[in-house]
Amino acid sequence: MKCILIPLCLLCIYQVSCNKVPCEPETDRLTTVFKDDRYQLTGVAISPEGRLFTSYPLWSNDYQYAVSEVDGKDNHTTPYPSLFWNSWQAGDNGKDKWVSVQALYADEQNNLWVVDAASPKMEGVYSNSHKLVKINLANNTVERTYFFEGVTDGNSYLNDVRVDNQRQYAYLTNSSEGGIVIVNLATGNARQVLQDHYSTKSDPGFTFIIDGHELMKNGKPVKINSDAIALTPDGEWLYYKPLTDDKLYRIRTEYLRNDAMDNETLGSKVEDLGHFATTDGMIIDKKGDLYMGDMRTNSIIRVTPELSMQTLIADDRLVWPDSYAISSDGYLYVSCSQIQKQPEYNNGENKRELPYAIYKLKLP
């Protein structure tokens, strides 16, 4: 089936998804912002003033810094917010240093939020040092750190975050155990919910095929739980999904903020939105459109508030689109981490092709 092009030769600005077969890629629409010829990046964030940041989890011995500010003009990075924060070594105190950072989020008030899963090589949380850190970008200082000892256990992997400054709450996903972590930013109190709910678990019946084969590790299918997370502009709805299936869920944040609501009642408030795409991250723009990847087709997908799904762009460079950010001038930034090409998912063979990269795409 052929894709339908919008009339007047608009070059498929809105590429309609026809059974998930994308139109021919338009490589000039996807601009390379940053390339790293050695270190594997995951997170991306861009501040209201246009400062760009990326993060590097400690997944292998080939590692230097956890969080860096990117100068796209000369492809240079600077450890952020300081070299000290990026100097952790095994045996150090992990409470005031990055241990293994997974994700970044820049809010509308010029703060950078850093999710430190603190699980080197994904082998467990180091000394209860998993944390969410708020950095004031106006003066590059850490304003507050939120820890999760007793909230999630030692096998947790905090993955991504969205922040509601109006209500003073943050929401994080736990991709190893499955669950949503809710943080009252004013009091510092945090709790994990929905950890036993089907919406935070990867569907065991879904076969995640990528690069022509099922994603496997140690002879078993890879199952990654609640991972992608997005907050509507009004802060009323939280969207989330497991990574290794194509289901999408949402819940009203008023229920998540209700400390008196037990998990069973909370679970009854979850809305199953159906099947969409396998994505690592996702984000919602000011119009309420949700953007996610389809890692199986090297694509970026747009889902409207009415749940209509369209392929925005397909490009062979979009190898495991990982994390997303939207700039003040209307560009979608996406990092590509090539996770499926790591040796542990390919019988010990490293299939990654350098560089790792961050791209940007003008939103319609």
Protein backbone atom coordinates (compact mmCIF):
# COMPACT_ATOMS: atom_id res chain seq x y z
CA MET A 1 0.00 0.00 0.00
CA LYS A 2 1.38 3.41 -0.93
CA CYS A 3 1.51 6.31 1.50
CA ILE A 4 -0.79 9.23 0.76
CA LEU A 5 0.90 12.56 0.19
CA ILE A 6 -0.69 15.81 1.27
CA PRO A 7 -1.67 17.84 -1.84
CA LEU A 8 0.30 20.79 -3.21
CA CYS A 9 3.60 18.90 -3.01
CA LEU A 10 4.22 19.54 0.67
CA LEU A 11 6.71 16.66 0.56
CA CYS A 12 4.77 14.60 3.04
CA ILE A 13 5.18 16.97 5.99
CA TYR A 14 2.41 14.92 7.56
CA GLN A 15 3.35 11.44 6.44
CA VAL A 16 0.28 9.27 6.90
CA SER A 17 1.03 5.89 8.41
CA CYS A 18 -0.28 3.15 6.15
CA ASN A 19 -0.01 -0.07 8.11
CA LYS A 20 3.17 1.44 9.53
CA VAL A 21 4.90 1.53 6.13
CA PRO A 22 6.56 4.97 6.04
CA CYS A 23 7.11 7.21 3.06
CA GLU A 24 10.53 7.72 1.56
CA PRO A 25 12.81 9.49 4.09
CA GLU A 26 13.59 13.16 3.66
CA THR A 27 17.06 13.37 5.08
CA ASP A 28 17.26 17.14 4.73
CA ARG A 29 14.54 17.50 7.37
CA LEU A 30 16.60 15.67 9.98
CA THR A 31 19.55 17.80 11.10
CA THR A 32 22.53 16.44 13.03
CA VAL A 33 23.09 18.53 16.15
CA PHE A 34 25.80 16.54 17.94
CA LYS A 35 27.90 13.44 17.27
CA ASP A 36 29.90 11.40 19.76
CA ASP A 37 32.48 9.15 18.17
CA ARG A 38 33.07 7.05 21.26
CA TYR A 39 30.66 7.28 24.20
CA GLN A 40 27.10 5.97 24.22
CA LEU A 41 24.58 8.67 25.06
CA THR A 42 20.92 8.32 26.04
CA GLY A 43 19.35 11.51 27.40
CA VAL A 44 18.75 14.86 25.76
CA ALA A 45 17.41 18.16 27.11
CA ILE A 46 17.26 21.68 25.74
CA SER A 47 16.60 24.68 27.96
CA PRO A 48 14.25 27.58 27.14
CA GLU A 49 17.36 29.57 26.26
CA GLY A 50 18.64 26.89 23.89
CA ARG A 51 21.32 25.24 26.02
CA LEU A 52 21.70 21.60 25.04
CA PHE A 53 22.56 18.73 27.40
CA THR A 54 23.08 15.01 27.05
CA SER A 55 23.65 12.12 29.44
CA TYR A 56 25.75 8.96 29.36
CA PRO A 57 24.83 5.95 31.51
CA LEU A 58 27.62 3.86 33.00
CA TRP A 59 26.86 0.71 31.02
CA SER A 60 30.40 -0.31 30.03
CA ASN A 61 34.03 0.44 30.78
CA ASP A 62 34.11 2.82 27.82
CA TYR A 63 32.83 5.77 29.80
CA GLN A 64 33.92 9.28 30.71
CA TYR A 65 31.27 11.70 32.03
CA ALA A 66 27.63 11.25 33.09
CA VAL A 67 26.16 14.64 32.14
CA SER A 68 27.56 17.08 29.60
CA GLU A 69 26.59 20.42 28.14
CA VAL A 70 26.88 20.34 24.37
CA ASP A 71 28.28 23.07 22.15
CA GLY A 72 26.84 22.07 18.80
CA LYS A 73 28.91 24.61 16.87
CA ASP A 74 32.20 22.83 17.48
CA ASN A 75 30.79 19.46 18.65
CA HIS A 76 32.36 20.00 22.07
CA THR A 77 31.07 18.87 25.47
CA THR A 78 31.72 20.09 29.00
CA PRO A 79 31.03 17.98 32.10
CA TYR A 80 28.02 19.42 33.90
CA PRO A 81 27.46 21.02 36.35
CA SER A 82 31.09 20.43 37.30
CA LEU A 83 33.91 17.96 36.96
CA PHE A 84 33.39 16.98 40.60
CA TRP A 85 29.82 15.83 39.94
CA ASN A 86 31.20 13.68 37.12
CA SER A 87 34.09 12.17 39.09
CA TRP A 88 32.40 9.19 40.76
CA GLN A 89 34.42 6.00 41.18
CA ALA A 90 33.41 2.75 42.86
CA GLY A 91 33.77 3.27 46.60
CA ASP A 92 32.90 6.98 46.47
CA ASN A 93 29.87 8.52 48.09
CA GLY A 94 27.22 8.47 45.38
CA LYS A 95 24.93 11.01 47.02
CA ASP A 96 26.71 14.11 45.67
CA LYS A 97 28.06 12.69 42.40
CA TRP A 98 26.54 11.16 39.29
CA VAL A 99 26.75 7.38 39.45
CA SER A 100 24.93 6.33 36.27
CA VAL A 101 22.66 8.95 34.74
CA GLN A 102 19.85 7.78 32.50
CA ALA A 103 17.73 10.83 31.59
CA LEU A 104 17.46 14.61 31.57
CA TYR A 105 14.54 17.04 31.47
CA ALA A 106 14.64 20.83 31.09
CA ASP A 107 11.53 22.62 32.36
CA GLU A 108 9.93 25.94 31.41
CA GLN A 109 11.42 27.65 34.48
CA ASN A 110 15.00 27.10 33.29
CA ASN A 111 15.80 24.15 35.52
CA LEU A 112 17.54 20.95 34.49
CA TRP A 113 16.28 17.74 36.15
CA VAL A 114 18.67 14.79 36.17
CA VAL A 115 17.59 11.18 36.72
CA ASP A 116 20.47 9.20 38.22
CA ALA A 117 19.43 5.54 38.18
CA ALA A 118 22.73 4.91 40.03
CA SER A 119 22.90 1.36 38.68
CA PRO A 120 26.32 0.86 37.07
CA LYS A 121 26.07 -1.67 34.23
CA MET A 122 22.46 -2.18 35.37
CA GLU A 123 23.65 -4.43 38.18
CA GLY A 124 21.75 -2.79 41.02
CA VAL A 125 21.47 0.54 42.81
CA TYR A 126 24.74 1.71 44.34
CA SER A 127 24.50 2.60 48.05
CA ASN A 128 20.94 3.97 47.84
CA SER A 129 22.22 6.80 45.65
CA HIS A 130 19.44 6.72 43.01
CA LYS A 131 18.14 10.25 42.86
CA LEU A 132 16.44 13.12 41.07
CA VAL A 133 18.49 16.31 41.02
CA LYS A 134 17.26 19.83 40.27
CA ILE A 135 19.82 22.24 38.81
CA ASN A 136 19.16 25.96 38.38
CA LEU A 137 20.47 26.77 34.92
CA ALA A 138 20.64 30.49 35.68
CA ASN A 139 23.55 29.93 38.04
CA ASN A 140 24.45 26.27 37.33
CA THR A 141 23.98 25.19 40.92
CA VAL A 142 22.26 22.15 42.38
CA GLU A 143 19.19 23.38 44.25
CA ARG A 144 17.78 20.14 45.61
CA THR A 145 18.28 16.39 45.49
CA TYR A 146 15.49 13.87 46.01
CA PHE A 147 16.52 10.37 47.08
CA PHE A 148 14.52 7.15 46.78
CA GLU A 149 15.80 4.90 49.54
CA GLY A 150 12.83 2.88 50.76
CA VAL A 151 10.70 4.02 47.81
CA THR A 152 12.12 1.59 45.26
CA ASP A 153 14.34 -1.38 46.00
CA GLY A 154 17.90 -2.16 45.03
CA ASN A 155 16.92 -3.67 41.70
CA SER A 156 15.09 -0.58 40.49
CA TYR A 157 16.10 1.41 37.43
CA LEU A 158 14.69 4.92 37.43
CA ASN A 159 14.33 5.80 33.79
CA ASP A 160 12.67 9.09 32.87
CA VAL A 161 10.95 12.08 34.48
CA ARG A 162 8.38 14.79 33.85
CA VAL A 163 7.84 17.77 36.15
CA ASP A 164 4.71 19.78 36.96
CA ASN A 165 6.00 23.02 38.50
CA GLN A 166 2.51 24.43 38.98
CA ARG A 167 1.47 21.62 41.31
CA GLN A 168 5.02 20.89 42.50
CA TYR A 169 5.11 17.22 41.53
CA ALA A 170 7.46 15.04 39.52
CA TYR A 171 6.67 11.67 37.95
CA LEU A 172 9.27 9.02 37.12
CA THR A 173 9.18 5.57 35.54
CA ASN A 174 10.86 2.49 36.96
CA SER A 175 11.77 0.36 33.95
CA SER A 176 13.19 -2.67 35.71
CA GLU A 177 10.55 -3.45 38.33
CA GLY A 178 7.70 -1.58 36.64
CA GLY A 179 6.02 1.29 38.46
CA ILE A 180 5.46 5.03 38.61
CA VAL A 181 7.29 7.07 41.24
CA ILE A 182 5.53 10.22 42.43
CA VAL A 183 7.54 12.98 44.14
CA ASN A 184 6.05 15.86 46.09
CA LEU A 185 8.68 18.46 45.24
CA ALA A 186 7.69 20.73 48.11
CA THR A 187 7.92 18.16 50.90
CA GLY A 188 10.33 15.70 49.32
CA ASN A 189 7.99 12.80 50.04
CA ALA A 190 7.95 10.11 47.36
CA ARG A 191 6.09 6.86 46.77
CA GLN A 192 5.91 4.22 44.06
CA VAL A 193 2.54 3.13 42.66
CA LEU A 194 1.13 0.70 40.09
CA GLN A 195 4.10 -1.63 40.50
CA ASP A 196 1.76 -4.64 40.32
CA HIS A 197 -0.44 -3.26 37.54
CA TYR A 198 -0.40 -4.62 33.99
CA SER A 199 0.11 -1.13 32.55
CA THR A 200 3.63 -0.86 33.99
CA LYS A 201 4.63 -4.35 32.81
CA SER A 202 5.80 -5.28 29.34
CA ASP A 203 3.23 -7.56 27.70
CA PRO A 204 4.70 -11.10 27.99
CA GLY A 205 2.87 -12.09 24.82
CA PHE A 206 4.43 -9.36 22.67
CA THR A 207 7.39 -10.33 20.49
CA PHE A 208 9.72 -7.36 20.09
CA ILE A 209 11.27 -7.79 16.64
CA ILE A 210 13.99 -5.33 15.69
CA ASP A 211 16.67 -5.61 13.00
CA GLY A 212 14.98 -8.77 11.81
CA HIS A 213 15.06 -10.77 15.05
CA GLU A 214 13.60 -10.80 18.54
CA LEU A 215 15.59 -8.75 21.05
CA MET A 216 17.26 -11.34 23.27
CA LYS A 217 19.70 -11.35 26.16
CA ASN A 218 21.26 -14.45 27.69
CA GLY A 219 18.97 -16.60 25.58
CA LYS A 220 15.78 -14.95 26.82
CA PRO A 221 13.48 -12.31 25.31
CA VAL A 222 14.25 -8.84 26.66
CA LYS A 223 11.36 -7.38 28.66
CA ILE A 224 11.67 -3.74 29.73
CA ASN A 225 8.81 -2.36 31.79
CA SER A 226 7.42 1.17 32.29
CA ASP A 227 9.83 3.48 30.52
CA ALA A 228 8.44 6.27 28.31
CA ILE A 229 6.56 9.04 30.12
CA ALA A 230 4.89 12.28 29.02
CA LEU A 231 2.83 14.97 30.72
CA THR A 232 0.14 17.03 29.00
CA PRO A 233 0.70 20.81 28.94
CA ASP A 234 -2.01 21.40 31.54
CA GLY A 235 -0.52 18.74 33.84
CA GLU A 236 -3.83 16.87 33.98
CA TRP A 237 -2.77 13.62 32.29
CA LEU A 238 0.28 11.40 32.54
CA TYR A 239 0.96 9.12 29.56
CA TYR A 240 3.32 6.17 29.96
CA LYS A 241 4.15 2.79 28.46
CA PRO A 242 6.45 -0.21 28.74
CA LEU A 243 9.33 -0.22 26.29
CA THR A 244 9.15 -3.72 24.76
CA ASP A 245 5.55 -3.67 23.61
CA ASP A 246 3.34 -1.25 21.69
CA LYS A 247 0.70 -0.46 24.30
CA LEU A 248 0.03 3.08 25.56
CA TYR A 249 -1.65 4.08 28.83
CA ARG A 250 -2.65 7.23 30.64
CA ILE A 251 -4.02 8.30 34.01
CA ARG A 252 -5.23 11.58 35.50
CA THR A 253 -2.54 13.08 37.69
CA GLU A 254 -5.11 14.03 40.34
CA TYR A 255 -5.32 10.33 41.17
CA LEU A 256 -1.55 9.96 41.34
CA ARG A 257 -1.34 12.90 43.74
CA ASN A 258 -3.97 11.39 46.04
CA ASP A 259 -1.90 9.72 48.76
CA ALA A 260 -5.01 8.10 50.22
CA MET A 261 -5.78 6.12 47.05
CA ASP A 262 -4.54 2.54 47.26
CA ASN A 263 -2.94 0.71 44.33
CA GLU A 264 -6.03 -1.32 43.50
CA THR A 265 -8.23 1.77 43.24
CA LEU A 266 -5.50 3.65 41.40
CA GLY A 267 -5.19 0.81 38.92
CA SER A 268 -8.88 1.07 38.10
CA LYS A 269 -8.29 4.66 36.97
CA VAL A 270 -5.72 3.70 34.31
CA GLU A 271 -6.92 4.09 30.73
CA ASP A 272 -5.71 1.58 28.13
CA LEU A 273 -5.37 3.56 24.89
CA GLY A 274 -4.51 0.61 22.67
CA HIS A 275 -1.65 -0.30 20.34
CA PHE A 276 0.71 2.30 18.88
CA ALA A 277 4.49 1.78 18.62
CA THR A 278 7.50 0.45 20.48
CA THR A 279 9.31 3.50 21.83
CA ASP A 280 11.95 4.27 24.41
CA GLY A 281 10.93 7.85 25.20
CA MET A 282 8.12 10.24 24.31
CA ILE A 283 7.06 13.85 24.78
CA ILE A 284 3.97 16.04 24.36
CA ASP A 285 4.08 19.49 22.75
CA LYS A 286 2.08 22.58 23.67
CA LYS A 287 -0.73 21.59 21.29
CA GLY A 288 -1.15 18.24 23.00
CA ASP A 289 0.43 16.14 20.23
CA LEU A 290 2.47 13.22 21.53
CA TYR A 291 5.73 12.26 19.82
CA MET A 292 7.35 8.87 20.14
CA GLY A 293 9.64 6.63 18.16
CA ASP A 294 9.03 3.37 16.42
CA MET A 295 12.35 1.65 16.91
CA ARG A 296 11.38 -1.17 14.57
CA THR A 297 11.04 1.18 11.58
CA ASN A 298 13.56 3.94 12.43
CA SER A 299 10.67 6.38 12.62
CA ILE A 300 9.22 9.22 14.64
CA ILE A 301 5.47 8.95 15.26
CA ARG A 302 2.95 11.65 16.09
CA VAL A 303 -0.20 10.80 18.08
CA THR A 304 -2.87 13.51 18.18
CA PRO A 305 -5.08 14.16 21.23
CA GLU A 306 -7.77 12.22 19.31
CA LEU A 307 -5.32 9.26 19.18
CA SER A 308 -4.75 9.42 15.43
CA MET A 309 -1.27 8.09 14.66
CA GLN A 310 0.91 9.38 11.83
CA THR A 311 4.50 8.77 10.80
CA LEU A 312 6.26 12.13 10.98
CA ILE A 313 9.55 10.98 9.49
CA ALA A 314 11.46 7.78 8.73
CA ASP A 315 15.23 7.84 8.41
CA ASP A 316 17.86 5.13 8.67
CA ARG A 317 19.88 7.32 11.05
CA LEU A 318 17.16 6.98 13.69
CA VAL A 319 18.71 3.87 15.25
CA TRP A 320 16.93 3.32 18.55
CA PRO A 321 15.55 6.85 19.01
CA ASP A 322 15.92 7.13 22.76
CA SER A 323 14.99 10.43 24.40
CA TYR A 324 13.13 13.55 23.32
CA ALA A 325 13.08 17.29 24.00
CA ILE A 326 11.29 20.22 22.38
CA SER A 327 12.97 23.60 21.97
CA SER A 328 11.37 27.02 22.32
CA ASP A 329 11.61 27.51 18.55
CA GLY A 330 9.65 24.37 17.78
CA TYR A 331 12.22 21.68 17.07
CA LEU A 332 12.03 18.11 18.29
CA TYR A 333 15.41 16.90 19.54
CA VAL A 334 16.02 13.16 19.63
CA SER A 335 19.01 11.15 20.83
CA CYS A 336 19.86 7.81 19.21
CA SER A 337 21.57 5.28 21.44
CA GLN A 338 21.75 2.11 19.26
CA ILE A 339 20.84 -0.03 22.26
CA GLN A 340 19.71 -3.03 20.21
CA LYS A 341 23.19 -3.22 18.67
CA GLN A 342 25.00 -3.67 21.99
CA PRO A 343 26.98 -6.92 22.38
CA GLU A 344 24.71 -8.36 25.08
CA TYR A 345 21.81 -8.34 22.62
CA ASN A 346 23.81 -9.87 19.75
CA ASN A 347 25.54 -12.93 21.22
CA GLY A 348 28.56 -10.88 22.24
CA GLU A 349 29.02 -9.10 18.92
CA ASN A 350 29.16 -5.30 18.99
CA LYS A 351 27.07 -4.10 16.04
CA ARG A 352 27.03 -0.41 16.94
CA GLU A 353 28.19 1.98 14.24
CA LEU A 354 29.74 5.24 15.38
CA PRO A 355 28.85 7.96 15.96
CA TYR A 356 26.08 8.14 18.51
CA ALA A 357 24.08 11.22 17.68
CA ILE A 358 21.48 13.83 18.55
CA TYR A 359 19.25 15.11 15.76
CA LYS A 360 16.60 17.77 15.46
CA LEU A 361 13.43 17.96 13.38
CA LYS A 362 11.15 20.96 12.84
CA LEU A 363 7.68 20.18 14.16
CA PRO A 364 4.64 20.95 12.01
